[in-house]
Amino acid sequence: MRMNTKLDGPVEPDPYMNRRAEERVAARFEVRFEQAEDAARALRAYSLNLSAGGLCLRTRKSYDVGSQVRLAMVVDGEEFHLTGIVAWVRDEAEAIGVRFIDVSEEDHERLRRVIASFKR
């Protein structure tokens, strides 16, 4: 008996597959928006988790996917000023996912060190 290994049609990607390239850790710290109009409207933003590639933020201000944001934060004694793109929005949870862009190699390494410290 011969088995047919040909697939019937295109393979759909697993919607639950983790697409993050960097390890994510639970981390809560305050995040400030560096644009004046955002700082005035965002009451308080707190991280829910962090990776060297981005973070999840709880914020009451609504954002559109694709919006660019500038963030200032102090994590485990390290100060960061980073630019990101809103990757997803969960209105019911008042949360957004931000993917960091244009991160210097130095900041990327500092982020990795900070994340490693959360795992200890």
C-alpha atoms as a PDB file:
ATOM      1  CA  MET A   1       0.000   0.000   0.000  1.00  0.00           C
ATOM      2  CA  ARG A   2       1.397   3.352  -1.018  1.00  0.00           C
ATOM      3  CA  MET A   3       0.853   6.407   1.197  1.00  0.00           C
ATOM      4  CA  ASN A   4       0.084   9.696  -0.418  1.00  0.00           C
ATOM      5  CA  THR A   5       2.188  12.467   1.165  1.00  0.00           C
ATOM      6  CA  LYS A   6       0.918  15.264  -1.073  1.00  0.00           C
ATOM      7  CA  LEU A   7      -1.037  17.935   0.784  1.00  0.00           C
ATOM      8  CA  ASP A   8      -4.457  18.938  -0.446  1.00  0.00           C
ATOM      9  CA  GLY A   9      -4.107  22.695  -0.875  1.00  0.00           C
ATOM     10  CA  PRO A  10      -1.977  25.298   0.885  1.00  0.00           C
ATOM     11  CA  VAL A  11      -0.885  24.830   4.483  1.00  0.00           C
ATOM     12  CA  GLU A  12      -2.386  27.429   6.800  1.00  0.00           C
ATOM     13  CA  PRO A  13       0.011  28.883   9.405  1.00  0.00           C
ATOM     14  CA  ASP A  14      -0.791  28.002  12.993  1.00  0.00           C
ATOM     15  CA  PRO A  15      -2.487  31.143  14.390  1.00  0.00           C
ATOM     16  CA  TYR A  16      -1.289  30.235  17.900  1.00  0.00           C
ATOM     17  CA  MET A  17       2.358  29.815  16.915  1.00  0.00           C
ATOM     18  CA  ASN A  18       4.634  32.186  18.856  1.00  0.00           C
ATOM     19  CA  ARG A  19       6.082  34.558  16.267  1.00  0.00           C
ATOM     20  CA  ARG A  20       8.428  36.295  18.699  1.00  0.00           C
ATOM     21  CA  ALA A  21      12.124  35.917  17.992  1.00  0.00           C
ATOM     22  CA  GLU A  22      13.103  36.997  21.519  1.00  0.00           C
ATOM     23  CA  GLU A  23      12.260  35.439  24.881  1.00  0.00           C
ATOM     24  CA  ARG A  24       9.486  37.230  26.761  1.00  0.00           C
ATOM     25  CA  VAL A  25       9.310  37.636  30.554  1.00  0.00           C
ATOM     26  CA  ALA A  26       6.578  38.976  32.824  1.00  0.00           C
ATOM     27  CA  ALA A  27       7.699  42.403  34.015  1.00  0.00           C
ATOM     28  CA  ARG A  28       5.776  45.330  35.489  1.00  0.00           C
ATOM     29  CA  PHE A  29       7.251  48.821  35.333  1.00  0.00           C
ATOM     30  CA  GLU A  30       6.031  52.285  34.418  1.00  0.00           C
ATOM     31  CA  VAL A  31       6.449  53.483  30.847  1.00  0.00           C
ATOM     32  CA  ARG A  32       6.266  57.126  29.759  1.00  0.00           C
ATOM     33  CA  PHE A  33       5.352  58.269  26.266  1.00  0.00           C
ATOM     34  CA  GLU A  34       7.864  60.800  24.963  1.00  0.00           C
ATOM     35  CA  GLN A  35       5.528  62.596  22.547  1.00  0.00           C
ATOM     36  CA  ALA A  36       3.983  65.490  24.458  1.00  0.00           C
ATOM     37  CA  GLU A  37       0.461  64.778  23.183  1.00  0.00           C
ATOM     38  CA  ASP A  38       0.744  61.125  24.246  1.00  0.00           C
ATOM     39  CA  ALA A  39       2.188  61.956  27.662  1.00  0.00           C
ATOM     40  CA  ALA A  40      -0.732  64.262  28.391  1.00  0.00           C
ATOM     41  CA  ARG A  41      -3.364  61.683  27.380  1.00  0.00           C
ATOM     42  CA  ALA A  42      -1.858  58.434  28.624  1.00  0.00           C
ATOM     43  CA  LEU A  43      -2.739  58.404  32.285  1.00  0.00           C
ATOM     44  CA  ARG A  44      -0.279  55.693  33.230  1.00  0.00           C
ATOM     45  CA  ALA A  45       1.147  52.965  31.130  1.00  0.00           C
ATOM     46  CA  TYR A  46       2.517  49.829  32.719  1.00  0.00           C
ATOM     47  CA  SER A  47       4.254  46.941  31.065  1.00  0.00           C
ATOM     48  CA  LEU A  48       2.808  43.452  31.388  1.00  0.00           C
ATOM     49  CA  ASN A  49       5.730  41.683  29.760  1.00  0.00           C
ATOM     50  CA  LEU A  50       8.980  42.490  27.993  1.00  0.00           C
ATOM     51  CA  SER A  51      11.352  41.005  25.453  1.00  0.00           C
ATOM     52  CA  ALA A  52      14.361  42.427  23.647  1.00  0.00           C
ATOM     53  CA  GLY A  53      12.033  42.831  20.646  1.00  0.00           C
ATOM     54  CA  GLY A  54       9.095  44.591  22.286  1.00  0.00           C
ATOM     55  CA  LEU A  55       6.632  44.738  25.139  1.00  0.00           C
ATOM     56  CA  CYS A  56       2.993  44.542  26.079  1.00  0.00           C
ATOM     57  CA  LEU A  57       1.638  47.720  27.668  1.00  0.00           C
ATOM     58  CA  ARG A  58      -1.526  48.408  29.591  1.00  0.00           C
ATOM     59  CA  THR A  59      -2.746  51.889  28.669  1.00  0.00           C
ATOM     60  CA  ARG A  60      -6.110  53.643  28.581  1.00  0.00           C
ATOM     61  CA  LYS A  61      -5.223  55.628  25.479  1.00  0.00           C
ATOM     62  CA  SER A  62      -6.345  53.953  22.279  1.00  0.00           C
ATOM     63  CA  TYR A  63      -3.813  53.379  19.510  1.00  0.00           C
ATOM     64  CA  ASP A  64      -4.089  52.150  15.967  1.00  0.00           C
ATOM     65  CA  VAL A  65      -2.034  49.208  14.757  1.00  0.00           C
ATOM     66  CA  GLY A  66       0.966  50.648  12.900  1.00  0.00           C
ATOM     67  CA  SER A  67       1.195  53.816  15.037  1.00  0.00           C
ATOM     68  CA  GLN A  68       4.726  54.817  15.989  1.00  0.00           C
ATOM     69  CA  VAL A  69       5.428  55.525  19.677  1.00  0.00           C
ATOM     70  CA  ARG A  70       8.483  56.783  21.568  1.00  0.00           C
ATOM     71  CA  LEU A  71       8.849  55.259  25.011  1.00  0.00           C
ATOM     72  CA  ALA A  72      10.961  56.085  28.055  1.00  0.00           C
ATOM     73  CA  MET A  73      11.303  53.515  30.810  1.00  0.00           C
ATOM     74  CA  VAL A  74      13.559  52.435  33.625  1.00  0.00           C
ATOM     75  CA  VAL A  75      13.834  48.670  33.955  1.00  0.00           C
ATOM     76  CA  ASP A  76      15.900  47.090  36.712  1.00  0.00           C
ATOM     77  CA  GLY A  77      17.906  50.331  37.065  1.00  0.00           C
ATOM     78  CA  GLU A  78      18.561  50.667  33.307  1.00  0.00           C
ATOM     79  CA  GLU A  79      17.055  53.666  31.487  1.00  0.00           C
ATOM     80  CA  PHE A  80      15.801  53.173  27.945  1.00  0.00           C
ATOM     81  CA  HIS A  81      14.481  55.554  25.279  1.00  0.00           C
ATOM     82  CA  LEU A  82      13.046  53.415  22.496  1.00  0.00           C
ATOM     83  CA  THR A  83      10.897  53.775  19.402  1.00  0.00           C
ATOM     84  CA  GLY A  84       8.292  51.191  18.555  1.00  0.00           C
ATOM     85  CA  ILE A  85       5.384  50.317  16.311  1.00  0.00           C
ATOM     86  CA  VAL A  86       2.019  49.244  17.733  1.00  0.00           C
ATOM     87  CA  ALA A  87       1.750  45.623  16.550  1.00  0.00           C
ATOM     88  CA  TRP A  88      -1.634  44.770  18.082  1.00  0.00           C
ATOM     89  CA  VAL A  89      -4.413  46.307  20.174  1.00  0.00           C
ATOM     90  CA  ARG A  90      -6.714  44.604  22.710  1.00  0.00           C
ATOM     91  CA  ASP A  91      -9.325  47.242  23.545  1.00  0.00           C
ATOM     92  CA  GLU A  92     -11.160  45.067  26.073  1.00  0.00           C
ATOM     93  CA  ALA A  93      -7.927  44.566  28.055  1.00  0.00           C
ATOM     94  CA  GLU A  94      -6.686  48.154  27.520  1.00  0.00           C
ATOM     95  CA  ALA A  95      -3.452  46.649  26.219  1.00  0.00           C
ATOM     96  CA  ILE A  96      -1.205  47.154  23.215  1.00  0.00           C
ATOM     97  CA  GLY A  97       1.754  45.224  21.875  1.00  0.00           C
ATOM     98  CA  VAL A  98       4.730  47.338  20.814  1.00  0.00           C
ATOM     99  CA  ARG A  99       7.526  46.021  18.583  1.00  0.00           C
ATOM    100  CA  PHE A 100      10.768  47.971  19.038  1.00  0.00           C
ATOM    101  CA  ILE A 101      12.369  49.407  15.894  1.00  0.00           C
ATOM    102  CA  ASP A 102      15.777  50.939  15.191  1.00  0.00           C
ATOM    103  CA  VAL A 103      17.254  49.611  18.445  1.00  0.00           C
ATOM    104  CA  SER A 104      20.996  50.148  18.761  1.00  0.00           C
ATOM    105  CA  GLU A 105      23.124  47.050  19.356  1.00  0.00           C
ATOM    106  CA  GLU A 106      24.059  48.477  22.777  1.00  0.00           C
ATOM    107  CA  ASP A 107      20.397  48.925  23.812  1.00  0.00           C
ATOM    108  CA  HIS A 108      19.543  45.471  22.456  1.00  0.00           C
ATOM    109  CA  GLU A 109      22.258  43.889  24.608  1.00  0.00           C
ATOM    110  CA  ARG A 110      21.150  45.912  27.657  1.00  0.00           C
ATOM    111  CA  LEU A 111      17.573  44.695  27.104  1.00  0.00           C
ATOM    112  CA  ARG A 112      18.788  41.099  26.950  1.00  0.00           C
ATOM    113  CA  ARG A 113      20.706  41.552  30.229  1.00  0.00           C
ATOM    114  CA  VAL A 114      17.657  43.055  31.941  1.00  0.00           C
ATOM    115  CA  ILE A 115      15.458  40.195  30.720  1.00  0.00           C
ATOM    116  CA  ALA A 116      17.985  37.656  31.993  1.00  0.00           C
ATOM    117  CA  SER A 117      17.847  39.339  35.422  1.00  0.00           C
ATOM    118  CA  PHE A 118      14.056  38.778  35.581  1.00  0.00           C
ATOM    119  CA  LYS A 119      14.584  35.037  35.110  1.00  0.00           C
ATOM    120  CA  ARG A 120      16.849  34.639  38.164  1.00  0.00           C
END
